[in-house]
C-alpha atoms as a PDB file:
ATOM      1  CA  MET A   1     -11.646 -25.607  59.982  1.00  0.00           C
ATOM      2  CA  ALA A   2     -11.775 -21.832  59.815  1.00  0.00           C
ATOM      3  CA  VAL A   3      -9.759 -21.848  56.622  1.00  0.00           C
ATOM      4  CA  ALA A   4     -11.963 -24.546  55.106  1.00  0.00           C
ATOM      5  CA  SER A   5     -15.120 -22.702  56.153  1.00  0.00           C
ATOM      6  CA  ALA A   6     -13.869 -19.499  54.605  1.00  0.00           C
ATOM      7  CA  ALA A   7     -12.930 -21.285  51.396  1.00  0.00           C
ATOM      8  CA  GLY A   8     -16.249 -23.063  51.227  1.00  0.00           C
ATOM      9  CA  SER A   9     -18.273 -19.910  51.747  1.00  0.00           C
ATOM     10  CA  SER A  10     -16.475 -17.969  48.999  1.00  0.00           C
ATOM     11  CA  SER A  11     -18.741 -16.988  46.105  1.00  0.00           C
ATOM     12  CA  PRO A  12     -17.880 -18.307  42.610  1.00  0.00           C
ATOM     13  CA  HIS A  13     -18.674 -14.848  41.166  1.00  0.00           C
ATOM     14  CA  PRO A  14     -16.118 -12.277  42.228  1.00  0.00           C
ATOM     15  CA  GLY A  15     -17.454  -8.986  43.492  1.00  0.00           C
ATOM     16  CA  PRO A  16     -16.262  -5.489  42.572  1.00  0.00           C
ATOM     17  CA  GLU A  17     -12.528  -4.933  42.623  1.00  0.00           C
ATOM     18  CA  PHE A  18     -10.985  -2.948  45.427  1.00  0.00           C
ATOM     19  CA  THR A  19      -7.555  -1.427  45.871  1.00  0.00           C
ATOM     20  CA  ALA A  20      -5.779  -0.222  48.957  1.00  0.00           C
ATOM     21  CA  GLY A  21      -5.872   3.533  49.262  1.00  0.00           C
ATOM     22  CA  PRO A  22      -4.088   5.912  51.671  1.00  0.00           C
ATOM     23  CA  GLY A  23      -4.065   4.656  55.235  1.00  0.00           C
ATOM     24  CA  GLY A  24      -5.073   1.154  54.192  1.00  0.00           C
ATOM     25  CA  ALA A  25      -8.599   2.154  53.143  1.00  0.00           C
ATOM     26  CA  HIS A  26     -10.138   0.176  50.280  1.00  0.00           C
ATOM     27  CA  THR A  27     -11.266   2.149  47.211  1.00  0.00           C
ATOM     28  CA  HIS A  28     -13.708   0.808  44.616  1.00  0.00           C
ATOM     29  CA  ILE A  29     -12.363   0.763  41.013  1.00  0.00           C
ATOM     30  CA  GLN A  30     -14.945   2.016  38.552  1.00  0.00           C
ATOM     31  CA  PRO A  31     -14.996   0.479  35.028  1.00  0.00           C
ATOM     32  CA  PRO A  32     -13.903   2.898  32.282  1.00  0.00           C
ATOM     33  CA  GLY A  33     -16.678   5.051  30.912  1.00  0.00           C
ATOM     34  CA  PRO A  34     -17.317   5.845  27.240  1.00  0.00           C
ATOM     35  CA  ILE A  35     -15.397   9.124  27.398  1.00  0.00           C
ATOM     36  CA  GLN A  36     -12.394   7.413  28.937  1.00  0.00           C
ATOM     37  CA  SER A  37     -12.517   4.617  26.360  1.00  0.00           C
ATOM     38  CA  LEU A  38     -12.693   7.169  23.543  1.00  0.00           C
ATOM     39  CA  GLY A  39      -9.754   9.066  25.001  1.00  0.00           C
ATOM     40  CA  GLU A  40      -7.704   5.893  25.276  1.00  0.00           C
ATOM     41  CA  SER A  41      -8.492   5.011  21.649  1.00  0.00           C
ATOM     42  CA  VAL A  42      -7.465   8.473  20.440  1.00  0.00           C
ATOM     43  CA  PHE A  43      -4.290   8.284  22.513  1.00  0.00           C
ATOM     44  CA  ASP A  44      -3.451   4.879  21.017  1.00  0.00           C
ATOM     45  CA  VAL A  45      -3.955   6.199  17.467  1.00  0.00           C
ATOM     46  CA  VAL A  46      -1.772   9.248  18.098  1.00  0.00           C
ATOM     47  CA  SER A  47       0.859   7.042  19.723  1.00  0.00           C
ATOM     48  CA  ASP A  48       0.881   4.670  16.743  1.00  0.00           C
ATOM     49  CA  ILE A  49       1.231   7.563  14.288  1.00  0.00           C
ATOM     50  CA  GLY A  50       4.095   9.041  16.299  1.00  0.00           C
ATOM     51  CA  GLY A  51       5.788   5.658  16.549  1.00  0.00           C
ATOM     52  CA  LEU A  52       5.460   5.142  12.800  1.00  0.00           C
ATOM     53  CA  ALA A  53       6.910   8.600  12.118  1.00  0.00           C
ATOM     54  CA  GLN A  54       9.888   7.931  14.379  1.00  0.00           C
ATOM     55  CA  PHE A  55      10.362   4.503  12.822  1.00  0.00           C
ATOM     56  CA  SER A  56      10.292   6.045   9.325  1.00  0.00           C
ATOM     57  CA  LEU A  57      12.872   8.693  10.242  1.00  0.00           C
ATOM     58  CA  LEU A  58      15.235   6.028  11.578  1.00  0.00           C
ATOM     59  CA  THR A  59      14.747   3.957   8.429  1.00  0.00           C
ATOM     60  CA  PHE A  60      15.495   6.847   6.081  1.00  0.00           C
ATOM     61  CA  SER A  61      18.511   7.869   8.148  1.00  0.00           C
ATOM     62  CA  TRP A  62      19.995   4.389   7.705  1.00  0.00           C
ATOM     63  CA  LEU A  63      18.957   4.356   4.035  1.00  0.00           C
ATOM     64  CA  PHE A  64      21.060   7.433   3.258  1.00  0.00           C
ATOM     65  CA  ARG A  65      23.850   6.496   5.643  1.00  0.00           C
ATOM     66  CA  ARG A  66      24.815   3.114   4.214  1.00  0.00           C
ATOM     67  CA  ARG A  67      23.656   1.018   1.271  1.00  0.00           C
ATOM     68  CA  PRO A  68      22.697  -2.594   2.080  1.00  0.00           C
ATOM     69  CA  ARG A  69      24.705  -5.408   0.545  1.00  0.00           C
ATOM     70  CA  TRP A  70      23.499  -6.997  -2.674  1.00  0.00           C
ATOM     71  CA  SER A  71      23.400 -10.385  -0.971  1.00  0.00           C
ATOM     72  CA  ILE A  72      20.585  -8.994   1.195  1.00  0.00           C
ATOM     73  CA  LEU A  73      18.837  -6.953  -1.482  1.00  0.00           C
ATOM     74  CA  ILE A  74      18.539  -9.633  -4.181  1.00  0.00           C
ATOM     75  CA  PRO A  75      16.370 -12.055  -2.118  1.00  0.00           C
ATOM     76  CA  ASN A  76      14.053  -9.173  -1.213  1.00  0.00           C
ATOM     77  CA  PHE A  77      13.810  -8.110  -4.856  1.00  0.00           C
ATOM     78  CA  TYR A  78      12.849 -11.657  -5.782  1.00  0.00           C
ATOM     79  CA  ALA A  79      10.346 -12.123  -2.934  1.00  0.00           C
ATOM     80  CA  ILE A  80       8.651  -8.748  -3.457  1.00  0.00           C
ATOM     81  CA  GLY A  81       8.953  -8.302  -7.222  1.00  0.00           C
ATOM     82  CA  VAL A  82       9.290 -11.594  -9.078  1.00  0.00           C
ATOM     83  CA  SER A  83       6.964 -13.563  -6.810  1.00  0.00           C
ATOM     84  CA  SER A  84       4.261 -10.910  -7.198  1.00  0.00           C
ATOM     85  CA  VAL A  85       4.248 -11.041 -11.013  1.00  0.00           C
ATOM     86  CA  PRO A  86       1.515 -13.728 -11.420  1.00  0.00           C
ATOM     87  CA  VAL A  87      -1.038 -12.146  -9.082  1.00  0.00           C
ATOM     88  CA  VAL A  88      -0.449  -8.632 -10.446  1.00  0.00           C
ATOM     89  CA  ALA A  89      -0.664  -9.828 -14.064  1.00  0.00           C
ATOM     90  CA  ILE A  90      -3.881 -11.752 -13.453  1.00  0.00           C
ATOM     91  CA  THR A  91      -5.433  -8.844 -11.545  1.00  0.00           C
ATOM     92  CA  GLY A  92      -4.544  -6.324 -14.256  1.00  0.00           C
ATOM     93  CA  THR A  93      -5.850  -8.541 -17.046  1.00  0.00           C
ATOM     94  CA  PHE A  94      -9.236  -9.151 -15.490  1.00  0.00           C
ATOM     95  CA  ILE A  95      -9.662  -5.514 -14.449  1.00  0.00           C
ATOM     96  CA  GLY A  96      -9.269  -4.496 -18.094  1.00  0.00           C
ATOM     97  CA  MET A  97     -11.690  -7.201 -19.182  1.00  0.00           C
ATOM     98  CA  VAL A  98     -14.272  -6.241 -16.566  1.00  0.00           C
ATOM     99  CA  LEU A  99     -14.043  -2.566 -17.550  1.00  0.00           C
ATOM    100  CA  ALA A 100     -14.700  -3.517 -21.159  1.00  0.00           C
ATOM    101  CA  ILE A 101     -17.732  -5.627 -20.271  1.00  0.00           C
ATOM    102  CA  GLN A 102     -19.259  -3.055 -17.917  1.00  0.00           C
ATOM    103  CA  THR A 103     -18.845  -0.005 -20.172  1.00  0.00           C
ATOM    104  CA  PHE A 104     -19.622  -1.503 -23.589  1.00  0.00           C
ATOM    105  CA  SER A 105     -23.427  -1.400 -23.424  1.00  0.00           C
ATOM    106  CA  GLN A 106     -23.565   2.259 -22.352  1.00  0.00           C
ATOM    107  CA  PHE A 107     -21.095   3.407 -25.002  1.00  0.00           C
ATOM    108  CA  GLU A 108     -22.753   1.334 -27.719  1.00  0.00           C
ATOM    109  CA  ALA A 109     -26.130   2.902 -26.910  1.00  0.00           C
ATOM    110  CA  MET A 110     -24.597   6.347 -27.487  1.00  0.00           C
ATOM    111  CA  GLY A 111     -22.783   5.255 -30.639  1.00  0.00           C
ATOM    112  CA  LEU A 112     -19.352   5.636 -29.030  1.00  0.00           C
ATOM    113  CA  ALA A 113     -18.234   2.011 -28.862  1.00  0.00           C
ATOM    114  CA  THR A 114     -15.012   2.776 -30.746  1.00  0.00           C
ATOM    115  CA  ARG A 115     -14.007   5.181 -27.962  1.00  0.00           C
ATOM    116  CA  LEU A 116     -13.986   2.438 -25.359  1.00  0.00           C
ATOM    117  CA  GLY A 117     -10.208   2.161 -25.643  1.00  0.00           C
ATOM    118  CA  SER A 118      -9.652   5.717 -24.451  1.00  0.00           C
ATOM    119  CA  VAL A 119     -11.857   5.258 -21.373  1.00  0.00           C
ATOM    120  CA  ILE A 120     -10.498   1.841 -20.423  1.00  0.00           C
ATOM    121  CA  ASN A 121      -6.855   2.729 -20.917  1.00  0.00           C
ATOM    122  CA  ILE A 122      -6.986   6.118 -19.187  1.00  0.00           C
ATOM    123  CA  SER A 123      -8.760   4.544 -16.201  1.00  0.00           C
ATOM    124  CA  LEU A 124      -6.145   1.802 -15.977  1.00  0.00           C
ATOM    125  CA  LEU A 125      -3.092   4.004 -16.386  1.00  0.00           C
ATOM    126  CA  LYS A 126      -4.113   6.813 -14.061  1.00  0.00           C
ATOM    127  CA  GLU A 127      -6.048   5.086 -11.306  1.00  0.00           C
ATOM    128  CA  LEU A 128      -6.924   1.401 -11.328  1.00  0.00           C
ATOM    129  CA  GLY A 129      -3.537   0.020 -12.350  1.00  0.00           C
ATOM    130  CA  PRO A 130      -1.474   1.814  -9.675  1.00  0.00           C
ATOM    131  CA  VAL A 131      -4.001   1.342  -6.868  1.00  0.00           C
ATOM    132  CA  LEU A 132      -4.680  -2.329  -7.584  1.00  0.00           C
ATOM    133  CA  ALA A 133      -0.987  -3.149  -8.003  1.00  0.00           C
ATOM    134  CA  ALA A 134      -0.266  -1.476  -4.658  1.00  0.00           C
ATOM    135  CA  THR A 135      -3.200  -3.279  -3.037  1.00  0.00           C
ATOM    136  CA  MET A 136      -1.983  -6.656  -4.277  1.00  0.00           C
ATOM    137  CA  LEU A 137       1.499  -5.827  -3.011  1.00  0.00           C
ATOM    138  CA  ALA A 138       0.114  -4.837   0.383  1.00  0.00           C
ATOM    139  CA  GLY A 139      -1.919  -8.020   0.641  1.00  0.00           C
ATOM    140  CA  ARG A 140       0.736 -10.448  -0.530  1.00  0.00           C
ATOM    141  CA  VAL A 141       3.984  -8.792   0.557  1.00  0.00           C
ATOM    142  CA  GLY A 142       2.943  -6.440   3.345  1.00  0.00           C
ATOM    143  CA  SER A 143       1.262  -9.127   5.414  1.00  0.00           C
ATOM    144  CA  SER A 144       4.175 -11.478   4.797  1.00  0.00           C
ATOM    145  CA  MET A 145       6.727  -8.914   5.965  1.00  0.00           C
ATOM    146  CA  ALA A 146       4.717  -8.112   9.080  1.00  0.00           C
ATOM    147  CA  ALA A 147       4.312 -11.797   9.947  1.00  0.00           C
ATOM    148  CA  GLU A 148       8.001 -12.538   9.327  1.00  0.00           C
ATOM    149  CA  LEU A 149       9.267  -9.638  11.413  1.00  0.00           C
ATOM    150  CA  GLY A 150       6.628 -10.314  14.063  1.00  0.00           C
ATOM    151  CA  THR A 151       7.850 -13.885  14.384  1.00  0.00           C
ATOM    152  CA  MET A 152      11.400 -12.625  14.689  1.00  0.00           C
ATOM    153  CA  ARG A 153      10.285 -10.238  17.430  1.00  0.00           C
ATOM    154  CA  VAL A 154       8.440 -12.960  19.333  1.00  0.00           C
ATOM    155  CA  THR A 155      11.368 -15.391  19.096  1.00  0.00           C
ATOM    156  CA  GLU A 156      13.798 -12.603  20.127  1.00  0.00           C
ATOM    157  CA  GLN A 157      15.805 -12.762  16.895  1.00  0.00           C
ATOM    158  CA  ILE A 158      15.599  -8.965  16.573  1.00  0.00           C
ATOM    159  CA  ASP A 159      17.010  -8.596  20.086  1.00  0.00           C
ATOM    160  CA  ALA A 160      19.769 -11.021  19.137  1.00  0.00           C
ATOM    161  CA  LEU A 161      20.733  -8.826  16.177  1.00  0.00           C
ATOM    162  CA  SER A 162      21.025  -5.836  18.490  1.00  0.00           C
ATOM    163  CA  ALA A 163      23.125  -7.857  20.930  1.00  0.00           C
ATOM    164  CA  LEU A 164      25.485  -8.821  18.080  1.00  0.00           C
ATOM    165  CA  GLY A 165      26.016  -5.162  17.167  1.00  0.00           C
ATOM    166  CA  THR A 166      23.817  -5.089  14.031  1.00  0.00           C
ATOM    167  CA  ASN A 167      21.130  -2.459  13.781  1.00  0.00           C
ATOM    168  CA  PRO A 168      17.821  -4.306  13.110  1.00  0.00           C
ATOM    169  CA  ILE A 169      16.352  -1.435  11.100  1.00  0.00           C
ATOM    170  CA  TYR A 170      19.365  -1.308   8.782  1.00  0.00           C
ATOM    171  CA  TYR A 171      19.507  -5.083   8.374  1.00  0.00           C
ATOM    172  CA  LEU A 172      15.782  -5.893   8.142  1.00  0.00           C
ATOM    173  CA  VAL A 173      13.800  -2.791   7.161  1.00  0.00           C
ATOM    174  CA  VAL A 174      16.007  -0.878   4.706  1.00  0.00           C
ATOM    175  CA  PRO A 175      16.306  -3.766   2.185  1.00  0.00           C
ATOM    176  CA  ARG A 176      12.539  -4.283   2.221  1.00  0.00           C
ATOM    177  CA  LEU A 177      11.917  -0.568   1.764  1.00  0.00           C
ATOM    178  CA  LEU A 178      14.268  -0.409  -1.214  1.00  0.00           C
ATOM    179  CA  ALA A 179      12.729  -3.522  -2.764  1.00  0.00           C
ATOM    180  CA  CYS A 180       9.181  -2.147  -2.481  1.00  0.00           C
ATOM    181  CA  PHE A 181      10.256   1.288  -3.705  1.00  0.00           C
ATOM    182  CA  ILE A 182      12.041  -0.097  -6.774  1.00  0.00           C
ATOM    183  CA  MET A 183       9.808  -3.024  -7.731  1.00  0.00           C
ATOM    184  CA  ILE A 184       6.350  -1.479  -7.416  1.00  0.00           C
ATOM    185  CA  PRO A 185       6.731   0.776 -10.515  1.00  0.00           C
ATOM    186  CA  LEU A 186       7.648  -2.279 -12.584  1.00  0.00           C
ATOM    187  CA  LEU A 187       4.679  -4.210 -11.207  1.00  0.00           C
ATOM    188  CA  THR A 188       2.425  -1.246 -11.974  1.00  0.00           C
ATOM    189  CA  LEU A 189       3.621  -1.137 -15.580  1.00  0.00           C
ATOM    190  CA  LEU A 190       2.916  -4.862 -15.837  1.00  0.00           C
ATOM    191  CA  ALA A 191      -0.610  -4.399 -14.448  1.00  0.00           C
ATOM    192  CA  ASP A 192      -1.227  -1.512 -16.864  1.00  0.00           C
ATOM    193  CA  PHE A 193       0.020  -3.506 -19.853  1.00  0.00           C
ATOM    194  CA  MET A 194      -2.012  -6.602 -19.020  1.00  0.00           C
ATOM    195  CA  GLY A 195      -5.125  -4.505 -18.377  1.00  0.00           C
ATOM    196  CA  VAL A 196      -4.778  -2.716 -21.697  1.00  0.00           C
ATOM    197  CA  ILE A 197      -4.334  -6.021 -23.537  1.00  0.00           C
ATOM    198  CA  GLY A 198      -7.226  -7.653 -21.684  1.00  0.00           C
ATOM    199  CA  GLY A 199      -9.587  -4.773 -22.421  1.00  0.00           C
ATOM    200  CA  ALA A 200      -8.544  -4.678 -26.083  1.00  0.00           C
ATOM    201  CA  VAL A 201      -9.055  -8.415 -26.571  1.00  0.00           C
ATOM    202  CA  VAL A 202     -12.543  -8.327 -25.065  1.00  0.00           C
ATOM    203  CA  CYS A 203     -13.589  -5.224 -27.015  1.00  0.00           C
ATOM    204  CA  THR A 204     -12.204  -6.207 -30.420  1.00  0.00           C
ATOM    205  CA  LYS A 205     -12.574  -9.985 -30.371  1.00  0.00           C
ATOM    206  CA  LEU A 206     -15.567 -10.600 -28.119  1.00  0.00           C
ATOM    207  CA  LEU A 207     -17.706  -7.466 -28.439  1.00  0.00           C
ATOM    208  CA  GLY A 208     -16.971  -6.678 -32.093  1.00  0.00           C
ATOM    209  CA  VAL A 209     -15.478  -3.195 -31.739  1.00  0.00           C
ATOM    210  CA  ASP A 210     -13.425  -2.078 -34.742  1.00  0.00           C
ATOM    211  CA  SER A 211      -9.763  -2.638 -33.904  1.00  0.00           C
ATOM    212  CA  TYR A 212      -8.369   0.312 -35.860  1.00  0.00           C
ATOM    213  CA  HIS A 213     -10.655   2.927 -34.313  1.00  0.00           C
ATOM    214  CA  TYR A 214     -10.232   1.373 -30.875  1.00  0.00           C
ATOM    215  CA  TRP A 215      -6.463   1.916 -30.916  1.00  0.00           C
ATOM    216  CA  PHE A 216      -6.742   5.214 -32.810  1.00  0.00           C
ATOM    217  CA  HIS A 217      -8.845   6.840 -30.091  1.00  0.00           C
ATOM    218  CA  SER A 218      -6.642   5.290 -27.415  1.00  0.00           C
ATOM    219  CA  ARG A 219      -3.494   6.877 -28.866  1.00  0.00           C
ATOM    220  CA  GLN A 220      -5.312  10.165 -29.385  1.00  0.00           C
ATOM    221  CA  TYR A 221      -6.566  10.429 -25.796  1.00  0.00           C
ATOM    222  CA  VAL A 222      -3.866   8.760 -23.684  1.00  0.00           C
ATOM    223  CA  GLY A 223      -0.562  10.627 -23.412  1.00  0.00           C
ATOM    224  CA  GLY A 224       2.769  10.327 -21.690  1.00  0.00           C
ATOM    225  CA  LEU A 225       1.626  12.453 -18.742  1.00  0.00           C
ATOM    226  CA  ASP A 226      -1.065   9.899 -17.976  1.00  0.00           C
ATOM    227  CA  ILE A 227       1.513   7.135 -17.711  1.00  0.00           C
ATOM    228  CA  PHE A 228       3.726   9.372 -15.579  1.00  0.00           C
ATOM    229  CA  ALA A 229       0.774  10.215 -13.325  1.00  0.00           C
ATOM    230  CA  GLY A 230       0.217   6.586 -12.410  1.00  0.00           C
ATOM    231  CA  ILE A 231       3.890   5.731 -11.975  1.00  0.00           C
ATOM    232  CA  PHE A 232       4.546   8.793  -9.826  1.00  0.00           C
ATOM    233  CA  LYS A 233       1.969   7.704  -7.268  1.00  0.00           C
ATOM    234  CA  VAL A 234       3.263   4.213  -6.717  1.00  0.00           C
ATOM    235  CA  PHE A 235       6.608   5.325  -5.290  1.00  0.00           C
ATOM    236  CA  PHE A 236       4.707   6.735  -2.319  1.00  0.00           C
ATOM    237  CA  PHE A 237       2.525   3.630  -2.176  1.00  0.00           C
ATOM    238  CA  GLY A 238       5.543   1.322  -2.053  1.00  0.00           C
ATOM    239  CA  ALA A 239       7.245   3.311   0.702  1.00  0.00           C
ATOM    240  CA  ALA A 240       4.036   3.350   2.762  1.00  0.00           C
ATOM    241  CA  ILE A 241       3.540  -0.407   2.377  1.00  0.00           C
ATOM    242  CA  ALA A 242       7.085  -1.221   3.473  1.00  0.00           C
ATOM    243  CA  LEU A 243       7.191   1.181   6.421  1.00  0.00           C
ATOM    244  CA  ILE A 244       3.762   0.286   7.797  1.00  0.00           C
ATOM    245  CA  SER A 245       4.291  -3.466   7.423  1.00  0.00           C
ATOM    246  CA  CYS A 246       7.736  -3.435   9.010  1.00  0.00           C
ATOM    247  CA  HIS A 247       6.531  -1.180  11.833  1.00  0.00           C
ATOM    248  CA  ARG A 248       3.672  -3.536  12.629  1.00  0.00           C
ATOM    249  CA  GLY A 249       6.039  -6.498  12.580  1.00  0.00           C
ATOM    250  CA  PHE A 250       8.578  -4.782  14.825  1.00  0.00           C
ATOM    251  CA  HIS A 251       5.860  -4.015  17.390  1.00  0.00           C
ATOM    252  CA  SER A 252       4.073  -7.340  17.246  1.00  0.00           C
ATOM    253  CA  ARG A 253       2.654  -8.743  20.456  1.00  0.00           C
ATOM    254  CA  ALA A 254       3.694 -12.096  21.839  1.00  0.00           C
ATOM    255  CA  GLY A 255       2.223 -15.357  20.622  1.00  0.00           C
ATOM    256  CA  ALA A 256       0.623 -16.572  17.428  1.00  0.00           C
ATOM    257  CA  GLU A 257      -2.348 -14.274  17.961  1.00  0.00           C
ATOM    258  CA  GLY A 258      -0.069 -11.247  18.135  1.00  0.00           C
ATOM    259  CA  VAL A 259       1.721 -12.172  14.912  1.00  0.00           C
ATOM    260  CA  GLY A 260      -1.577 -12.745  13.102  1.00  0.00           C
ATOM    261  CA  ARG A 261      -2.915  -9.447  14.355  1.00  0.00           C
ATOM    262  CA  ALA A 262       0.230  -7.659  13.167  1.00  0.00           C
ATOM    263  CA  ALA A 263      -0.169  -9.147   9.681  1.00  0.00           C
ATOM    264  CA  THR A 264      -3.821  -8.103   9.539  1.00  0.00           C
ATOM    265  CA  GLU A 265      -3.087  -4.587  10.768  1.00  0.00           C
ATOM    266  CA  ALA A 266      -0.277  -4.250   8.214  1.00  0.00           C
ATOM    267  CA  PHE A 267      -2.632  -4.900   5.302  1.00  0.00           C
ATOM    268  CA  VAL A 268      -5.507  -2.785   6.645  1.00  0.00           C
ATOM    269  CA  TYR A 269      -3.326   0.216   7.541  1.00  0.00           C
ATOM    270  CA  ALA A 270      -1.384  -0.019   4.276  1.00  0.00           C
ATOM    271  CA  PHE A 271      -4.598  -0.136   2.248  1.00  0.00           C
ATOM    272  CA  ILE A 272      -5.970   2.916   4.052  1.00  0.00           C
ATOM    273  CA  ALA A 273      -2.661   4.716   3.489  1.00  0.00           C
ATOM    274  CA  ILE A 274      -2.824   3.892  -0.241  1.00  0.00           C
ATOM    275  CA  LEU A 275      -6.285   5.425  -0.569  1.00  0.00           C
ATOM    276  CA  VAL A 276      -5.381   8.518   1.462  1.00  0.00           C
ATOM    277  CA  LEU A 277      -2.178   9.076  -0.501  1.00  0.00           C
ATOM    278  CA  ASP A 278      -4.014   8.529  -3.781  1.00  0.00           C
ATOM    279  CA  PHE A 279      -6.492  11.273  -2.906  1.00  0.00           C
ATOM    280  CA  MET A 280      -3.887  13.706  -1.591  1.00  0.00           C
ATOM    281  CA  ILE A 281      -1.441  13.277  -4.483  1.00  0.00           C
ATOM    282  CA  GLY A 282      -4.211  13.518  -7.065  1.00  0.00           C
ATOM    283  CA  TYR A 283      -5.641  16.667  -5.508  1.00  0.00           C
ATOM    284  CA  LEU A 284      -2.273  18.409  -5.130  1.00  0.00           C
ATOM    285  CA  TRP A 285      -1.129  17.511  -8.633  1.00  0.00           C
ATOM    286  CA  ASN A 286      -4.353  18.765 -10.165  1.00  0.00           C
ATOM    287  CA  ARG A 287      -3.946  22.058  -8.328  1.00  0.00           C
ATOM    288  CA  VAL A 288      -0.345  22.412  -9.479  1.00  0.00           C
ATOM    289  CA  TYR A 289      -1.262  21.486 -13.045  1.00  0.00           C
ATOM    290  CA  ASP A 290      -4.063  24.053 -13.121  1.00  0.00           C
ATOM    291  CA  MET A 291      -1.688  26.733 -11.824  1.00  0.00           C
ATOM    292  CA  LEU A 292       0.916  25.967 -14.473  1.00  0.00           C
ATOM    293  CA  ASN A 293      -1.650  25.566 -17.268  1.00  0.00           C
ATOM    294  CA  PRO A 294      -4.511  28.004 -16.585  1.00  0.00           C
ATOM    295  CA  ASN A 295      -6.071  27.408 -20.022  1.00  0.00           C
ATOM    296  CA  SER A 296      -6.226  23.630 -19.613  1.00  0.00           C
ATOM    297  CA  THR A 297      -9.409  21.698 -18.977  1.00  0.00           C
ATOM    298  CA  GLY A 298      -8.071  19.866 -15.915  1.00  0.00           C
ATOM    299  CA  GLY A 299      -5.198  18.102 -14.288  1.00  0.00           C
ATOM    300  CA  PHE A 300      -3.645  14.839 -15.275  1.00  0.00           C
ATOM    301  CA  ILE A 301      -4.054  12.789 -12.102  1.00  0.00           C
END
């Protein structure tokens, strides 16, 4: 009866939590304040950055220590490179077409419609082509890698590889890093080419710009350094996409929610890294270019 009475008189809403202190005394646990929550968030960010740095060092150590087998590399090349061709080609084509549509009226009002090719092509080669190709790769491939490795973590397949004597980073991460590093320049060139063709078709066939002057000003303004500027960036973009996505997958939480969160974080963090790297590389290269060419009018990135 006493037990039943105690159970019946218990409140459905639990009161404040208590914990046993020294000598058996009960101490009230205060909820975390805003300062504590901010400190925990900063600590989590610093911990994630440190974990990613350590993960990257281990990956590069295995990359230079032993080359993966072709039987492992070829499927990753196909999944990351060949399977991304349609989305990258479509994205590049429509970006060139949209640039042509948006800039035509302003240039025509100034009597510079024939110079549209120089503006469209330089924008594609130096900035939009590399960034959009990397973004498409992060969205299609980065999320997929994070989800795949996260599922392997949840189902303990990564632990099984370690138990069998195979290093998971060497077997799972290094091939994906090499595939992203090698295939993203080719995808960027494809996006640049399709964007240039798309912009030219819209300008010359739809908007009535003279074809000869369109290509003449394009060749006069766009040089080899502009192509190199865009391709140089994407090597860093590809490495960042692979490392961030694999790191998120390796540290995925349990359950379907954890795997989905890892895939989302992989894309968001990779996209932020692409923008940060784009700014840093462009700024540093412009500074170096100005130092080497003091009489020039500006850098080439």
